[in-house]
Amino acid sequence: MALEKECKMRVPAYSSVQRIKQVIIEEYLEPRGVAEISWRDIVSESRARCKGFYSWDIAVLVARDLSLEGVKVWR
């Protein structure tokens, strides 16, 4: 747990990950009442909202965080 927090603090793109994850939860998951998302949807949101970072890396971190919160990520 402490190692994970340290890793999050060292990654400068983690604020983008948190922002994109929150957008996906608020605009995609909650209105539909589902707890699953496709990898393609995560990548498209990352590309649209990721500025200054490689969107594929951001998408991987978003998918990991969503799966830790109990959201099924279909690949």
Protein backbone atom coordinates (compact mmCIF):
# COMPACT_ATOMS: atom_id res chain seq x y z
CA MET A 1 0.00 0.00 0.00
CA ALA A 2 2.73 2.48 0.90
CA LEU A 3 4.76 1.39 -2.11
CA GLU A 4 1.76 2.02 -4.36
CA LYS A 5 1.25 5.51 -2.94
CA GLU A 6 4.92 6.30 -3.46
CA CYS A 7 4.70 5.13 -7.05
CA LYS A 8 1.64 7.32 -7.63
CA MET A 9 3.47 10.34 -6.24
CA ARG A 10 6.46 9.77 -8.53
CA VAL A 11 4.44 9.45 -11.74
CA PRO A 12 3.72 12.97 -13.01
CA ALA A 13 0.94 11.71 -15.26
CA TYR A 14 -1.05 10.33 -12.35
CA SER A 15 -3.18 13.48 -12.08
CA SER A 16 -4.28 12.82 -15.66
CA VAL A 17 -5.06 9.23 -14.73
CA GLN A 18 -7.25 10.35 -11.83
CA ARG A 19 -9.04 12.93 -13.98
CA ILE A 20 -9.75 10.50 -16.83
CA LYS A 21 -10.85 7.79 -14.41
CA GLN A 22 -13.30 10.20 -12.76
CA VAL A 23 -14.69 11.27 -16.14
CA ILE A 24 -15.23 7.65 -17.14
CA ILE A 25 -17.02 6.92 -13.88
CA GLU A 26 -19.23 10.01 -14.00
CA GLU A 27 -20.02 10.15 -17.72
CA TYR A 28 -19.90 6.52 -18.80
CA LEU A 29 -20.50 4.09 -15.94
CA GLU A 30 -22.94 5.86 -13.60
CA PRO A 31 -25.47 7.03 -16.22
CA ARG A 32 -25.64 3.55 -17.74
CA GLY A 33 -25.71 1.78 -14.39
CA VAL A 34 -22.98 -0.66 -15.38
CA ALA A 35 -19.75 -1.76 -13.76
CA GLU A 36 -17.87 -2.73 -16.90
CA ILE A 37 -16.08 -0.94 -19.73
CA SER A 38 -14.21 -1.99 -22.83
CA TRP A 39 -10.53 -1.36 -23.38
CA ARG A 40 -11.40 0.53 -26.58
CA ASP A 41 -13.52 3.03 -24.62
CA ILE A 42 -10.70 3.65 -22.13
CA VAL A 43 -8.19 4.22 -24.93
CA SER A 44 -10.50 6.65 -26.75
CA GLU A 45 -11.10 8.67 -23.57
CA SER A 46 -7.37 8.71 -22.86
CA ARG A 47 -6.59 9.96 -26.35
CA ALA A 48 -9.22 12.66 -26.15
CA ARG A 49 -8.25 13.96 -22.71
CA CYS A 50 -4.54 13.20 -22.41
CA LYS A 51 -2.34 16.18 -23.13
CA GLY A 52 1.43 15.94 -22.95
CA PHE A 53 1.64 12.23 -22.10
CA TYR A 54 1.55 9.04 -24.12
CA SER A 55 -2.14 8.09 -24.11
CA TRP A 56 -1.51 4.33 -24.18
CA ASP A 57 0.41 4.48 -20.89
CA ILE A 58 -2.33 6.59 -19.33
CA ALA A 59 -4.97 4.12 -20.54
CA VAL A 60 -3.11 1.22 -18.90
CA LEU A 61 -3.01 3.06 -15.57
CA VAL A 62 -6.68 4.06 -15.85
CA ALA A 63 -7.67 0.44 -16.56
CA ARG A 64 -5.67 -0.75 -13.57
CA ASP A 65 -7.24 1.81 -11.25
CA LEU A 66 -10.75 1.05 -12.50
CA SER A 67 -10.24 -2.68 -11.98
CA LEU A 68 -9.02 -2.00 -8.43
CA GLU A 69 -12.32 -0.17 -7.81
CA GLY A 70 -14.30 -3.21 -8.97
CA VAL A 71 -15.01 -2.21 -12.57
CA LYS A 72 -14.63 -5.03 -15.10
CA VAL A 73 -12.35 -3.99 -17.98
CA TRP A 74 -12.96 -6.02 -21.13
CA ARG A 75 -9.92 -6.39 -23.37
